[in-house]
Amino acid sequence: MTDVLRPWRAKFPGVEVSEQAVIGSPAEHLVDASAHAALVVVGRFTHGPRPGPRVGLVTLKVLHHSTAPVAVIAHG
């Protein structure tokens, strides 16, 4: 994760990023972390067996329960 985020941290040094490895429900951890976040960023699929954009269960739960704004980013 650190290697993936390195170029983005260099490009936007003023943005604080928190990395954590946790066990359990990803959605629950993201919703809990939203209490201390300025923005929660989650992804959505852009391709698959069905046409059109869609969100997964984690993204859907975060959208419904986050206390911080949520940005949904499309990825392939």
N, C-alpha and C. Protein backbone atom coordinates (compact mmCIF):
# COMPACT_ATOMS: atom_id res chain seq x y z
N MET A 1 0.82 -1.17 0.00
CA MET A 1 0.00 0.00 0.00
C MET A 1 0.88 1.26 0.00
N THR A 2 1.92 1.22 0.78
CA THR A 2 2.82 2.37 0.83
C THR A 2 3.39 2.69 -0.54
N ASP A 3 3.79 1.66 -1.28
CA ASP A 3 4.35 1.87 -2.62
C ASP A 3 3.31 2.44 -3.58
N VAL A 4 2.07 1.97 -3.47
CA VAL A 4 1.00 2.46 -4.35
C VAL A 4 0.69 3.92 -4.06
N LEU A 5 0.72 4.30 -2.81
CA LEU A 5 0.37 5.67 -2.42
C LEU A 5 1.52 6.67 -2.59
N ARG A 6 2.75 6.19 -2.69
CA ARG A 6 3.92 7.08 -2.73
C ARG A 6 3.82 8.18 -3.79
N PRO A 7 3.48 7.87 -5.06
CA PRO A 7 3.41 8.95 -6.04
C PRO A 7 2.33 9.98 -5.73
N TRP A 8 1.23 9.53 -5.14
CA TRP A 8 0.15 10.46 -4.80
C TRP A 8 0.54 11.34 -3.62
N ARG A 9 1.25 10.77 -2.67
CA ARG A 9 1.74 11.58 -1.55
C ARG A 9 2.72 12.64 -2.03
N ALA A 10 3.55 12.28 -2.99
CA ALA A 10 4.51 13.24 -3.53
C ALA A 10 3.79 14.36 -4.29
N LYS A 11 2.76 14.00 -5.02
CA LYS A 11 2.02 14.99 -5.81
C LYS A 11 1.18 15.91 -4.94
N PHE A 12 0.66 15.37 -3.82
CA PHE A 12 -0.21 16.15 -2.92
C PHE A 12 0.31 16.05 -1.49
N PRO A 13 1.44 16.69 -1.20
CA PRO A 13 2.06 16.54 0.12
C PRO A 13 1.24 17.12 1.27
N GLY A 14 0.31 18.00 0.99
CA GLY A 14 -0.51 18.59 2.05
C GLY A 14 -1.68 17.74 2.48
N VAL A 15 -1.90 16.61 1.80
CA VAL A 15 -3.03 15.73 2.12
C VAL A 15 -2.55 14.64 3.06
N GLU A 16 -3.17 14.57 4.23
CA GLU A 16 -2.82 13.53 5.19
C GLU A 16 -3.50 12.22 4.80
N VAL A 17 -2.72 11.14 4.76
CA VAL A 17 -3.24 9.82 4.41
C VAL A 17 -2.93 8.88 5.56
N SER A 18 -3.92 8.10 5.96
CA SER A 18 -3.75 7.13 7.04
C SER A 18 -3.84 5.72 6.47
N GLU A 19 -2.82 4.91 6.72
CA GLU A 19 -2.81 3.52 6.29
C GLU A 19 -2.96 2.63 7.52
N GLN A 20 -3.84 1.64 7.43
CA GLN A 20 -3.99 0.67 8.51
C GLN A 20 -4.32 -0.69 7.92
N ALA A 21 -3.75 -1.73 8.50
CA ALA A 21 -4.13 -3.10 8.15
C ALA A 21 -4.98 -3.61 9.32
N VAL A 22 -6.20 -3.98 9.04
CA VAL A 22 -7.12 -4.41 10.10
C VAL A 22 -7.81 -5.71 9.71
N ILE A 23 -8.32 -6.39 10.69
CA ILE A 23 -9.07 -7.63 10.47
C ILE A 23 -10.53 -7.34 10.74
N GLY A 24 -11.40 -7.85 9.89
CA GLY A 24 -12.83 -7.67 10.09
C GLY A 24 -13.48 -7.09 8.86
N SER A 25 -14.66 -6.55 9.05
CA SER A 25 -15.46 -6.01 7.97
C SER A 25 -14.86 -4.71 7.43
N PRO A 26 -14.48 -4.66 6.15
CA PRO A 26 -13.94 -3.42 5.59
C PRO A 26 -14.93 -2.26 5.72
N ALA A 27 -16.20 -2.53 5.47
CA ALA A 27 -17.20 -1.46 5.54
C ALA A 27 -17.29 -0.89 6.95
N GLU A 28 -17.33 -1.76 7.96
CA GLU A 28 -17.40 -1.28 9.35
C GLU A 28 -16.19 -0.45 9.72
N HIS A 29 -15.00 -0.89 9.30
CA HIS A 29 -13.78 -0.13 9.61
C HIS A 29 -13.79 1.23 8.92
N LEU A 30 -14.24 1.29 7.68
CA LEU A 30 -14.30 2.57 6.97
C LEU A 30 -15.33 3.50 7.59
N VAL A 31 -16.48 2.96 7.97
CA VAL A 31 -17.50 3.79 8.62
C VAL A 31 -16.98 4.31 9.95
N ASP A 32 -16.32 3.46 10.74
CA ASP A 32 -15.73 3.91 12.01
C ASP A 32 -14.67 4.99 11.77
N ALA A 33 -13.82 4.79 10.76
CA ALA A 33 -12.77 5.76 10.46
C ALA A 33 -13.35 7.08 9.96
N SER A 34 -14.54 7.05 9.39
CA SER A 34 -15.14 8.29 8.87
C SER A 34 -15.42 9.31 9.96
N ALA A 35 -15.51 8.85 11.20
CA ALA A 35 -15.75 9.78 12.32
C ALA A 35 -14.58 10.75 12.50
N HIS A 36 -13.40 10.36 12.02
CA HIS A 36 -12.20 11.20 12.19
C HIS A 36 -11.63 11.65 10.85
N ALA A 37 -12.41 11.52 9.79
CA ALA A 37 -11.90 11.81 8.45
C ALA A 37 -12.55 13.06 7.86
N ALA A 38 -11.81 13.74 7.01
CA ALA A 38 -12.37 14.86 6.26
C ALA A 38 -13.02 14.36 4.98
N LEU A 39 -12.56 13.18 4.49
CA LEU A 39 -13.09 12.59 3.26
C LEU A 39 -12.79 11.11 3.28
N VAL A 40 -13.76 10.30 2.87
CA VAL A 40 -13.56 8.86 2.70
C VAL A 40 -13.62 8.58 1.20
N VAL A 41 -12.60 7.89 0.70
CA VAL A 41 -12.54 7.57 -0.74
C VAL A 41 -12.73 6.07 -0.91
N VAL A 42 -13.72 5.70 -1.71
CA VAL A 42 -14.00 4.29 -2.02
C VAL A 42 -14.09 4.14 -3.53
N GLY A 43 -14.08 2.90 -3.99
CA GLY A 43 -14.10 2.66 -5.43
C GLY A 43 -15.40 2.03 -5.91
N ARG A 44 -15.55 2.04 -7.22
CA ARG A 44 -16.66 1.32 -7.86
C ARG A 44 -16.14 0.72 -9.15
N PHE A 45 -16.73 -0.40 -9.54
CA PHE A 45 -16.30 -1.09 -10.76
C PHE A 45 -16.88 -0.40 -11.98
N THR A 46 -16.13 -0.47 -13.08
CA THR A 46 -16.61 0.09 -14.34
C THR A 46 -16.85 -0.96 -15.39
N HIS A 47 -16.51 -2.21 -15.07
CA HIS A 47 -16.77 -3.29 -16.02
C HIS A 47 -17.08 -4.57 -15.27
N GLY A 48 -17.63 -5.51 -15.96
CA GLY A 48 -17.98 -6.79 -15.36
C GLY A 48 -19.06 -7.46 -16.18
N PRO A 49 -19.75 -8.42 -15.59
CA PRO A 49 -20.74 -9.17 -16.36
C PRO A 49 -21.99 -8.36 -16.72
N ARG A 50 -22.29 -7.34 -15.98
CA ARG A 50 -23.46 -6.50 -16.28
C ARG A 50 -23.00 -5.14 -16.79
N PRO A 51 -23.72 -4.58 -17.75
CA PRO A 51 -23.33 -3.26 -18.25
C PRO A 51 -23.68 -2.16 -17.24
N GLY A 52 -22.96 -1.07 -17.34
CA GLY A 52 -23.26 0.10 -16.51
C GLY A 52 -22.46 0.14 -15.23
N PRO A 53 -22.37 1.32 -14.63
CA PRO A 53 -21.62 1.47 -13.38
C PRO A 53 -22.38 0.84 -12.21
N ARG A 54 -21.64 0.34 -11.24
CA ARG A 54 -22.26 -0.23 -10.06
C ARG A 54 -21.30 -0.10 -8.88
N VAL A 55 -21.86 -0.15 -7.70
CA VAL A 55 -21.05 -0.12 -6.49
C VAL A 55 -21.21 -1.45 -5.78
N GLY A 56 -20.19 -1.82 -5.03
CA GLY A 56 -20.23 -3.04 -4.25
C GLY A 56 -20.84 -2.80 -2.88
N LEU A 57 -20.92 -3.87 -2.11
CA LEU A 57 -21.54 -3.78 -0.79
C LEU A 57 -20.79 -2.88 0.17
N VAL A 58 -19.46 -2.91 0.11
CA VAL A 58 -18.66 -2.05 0.99
C VAL A 58 -18.93 -0.58 0.67
N THR A 59 -18.85 -0.22 -0.60
CA THR A 59 -19.10 1.17 -1.00
C THR A 59 -20.51 1.60 -0.63
N LEU A 60 -21.48 0.75 -0.85
CA LEU A 60 -22.87 1.07 -0.53
C LEU A 60 -23.05 1.33 0.96
N LYS A 61 -22.46 0.49 1.80
CA LYS A 61 -22.58 0.68 3.25
C LYS A 61 -21.89 1.98 3.68
N VAL A 62 -20.72 2.25 3.11
CA VAL A 62 -20.01 3.49 3.46
C VAL A 62 -20.84 4.70 3.04
N LEU A 63 -21.42 4.66 1.86
CA LEU A 63 -22.25 5.77 1.39
C LEU A 63 -23.42 6.04 2.34
N HIS A 64 -24.00 4.99 2.87
CA HIS A 64 -25.18 5.13 3.73
C HIS A 64 -24.84 5.50 5.18
N HIS A 65 -23.64 5.14 5.66
CA HIS A 65 -23.37 5.27 7.09
C HIS A 65 -22.19 6.17 7.45
N SER A 66 -21.44 6.65 6.48
CA SER A 66 -20.29 7.50 6.78
C SER A 66 -20.73 8.83 7.37
N THR A 67 -19.96 9.30 8.34
CA THR A 67 -20.23 10.62 8.91
C THR A 67 -19.44 11.71 8.19
N ALA A 68 -18.54 11.30 7.30
CA ALA A 68 -17.75 12.25 6.50
C ALA A 68 -18.22 12.17 5.05
N PRO A 69 -17.91 13.18 4.26
CA PRO A 69 -18.21 13.09 2.82
C PRO A 69 -17.51 11.89 2.21
N VAL A 70 -18.13 11.32 1.18
CA VAL A 70 -17.58 10.13 0.51
C VAL A 70 -17.37 10.44 -0.97
N ALA A 71 -16.18 10.13 -1.47
CA ALA A 71 -15.89 10.23 -2.90
C ALA A 71 -15.84 8.82 -3.46
N VAL A 72 -16.63 8.55 -4.49
CA VAL A 72 -16.65 7.24 -5.14
C VAL A 72 -15.88 7.37 -6.45
N ILE A 73 -14.80 6.62 -6.57
CA ILE A 73 -13.91 6.70 -7.71
C ILE A 73 -14.04 5.44 -8.55
N ALA A 74 -14.25 5.62 -9.85
CA ALA A 74 -14.36 4.48 -10.76
C ALA A 74 -12.99 3.88 -11.03
N HIS A 75 -12.94 2.56 -11.07
CA HIS A 75 -11.71 1.86 -11.44
C HIS A 75 -12.07 0.62 -12.22
N GLY A 76 -11.15 0.16 -13.05
CA GLY A 76 -11.39 -0.92 -13.96
C GLY A 76 -11.28 -2.25 -13.35
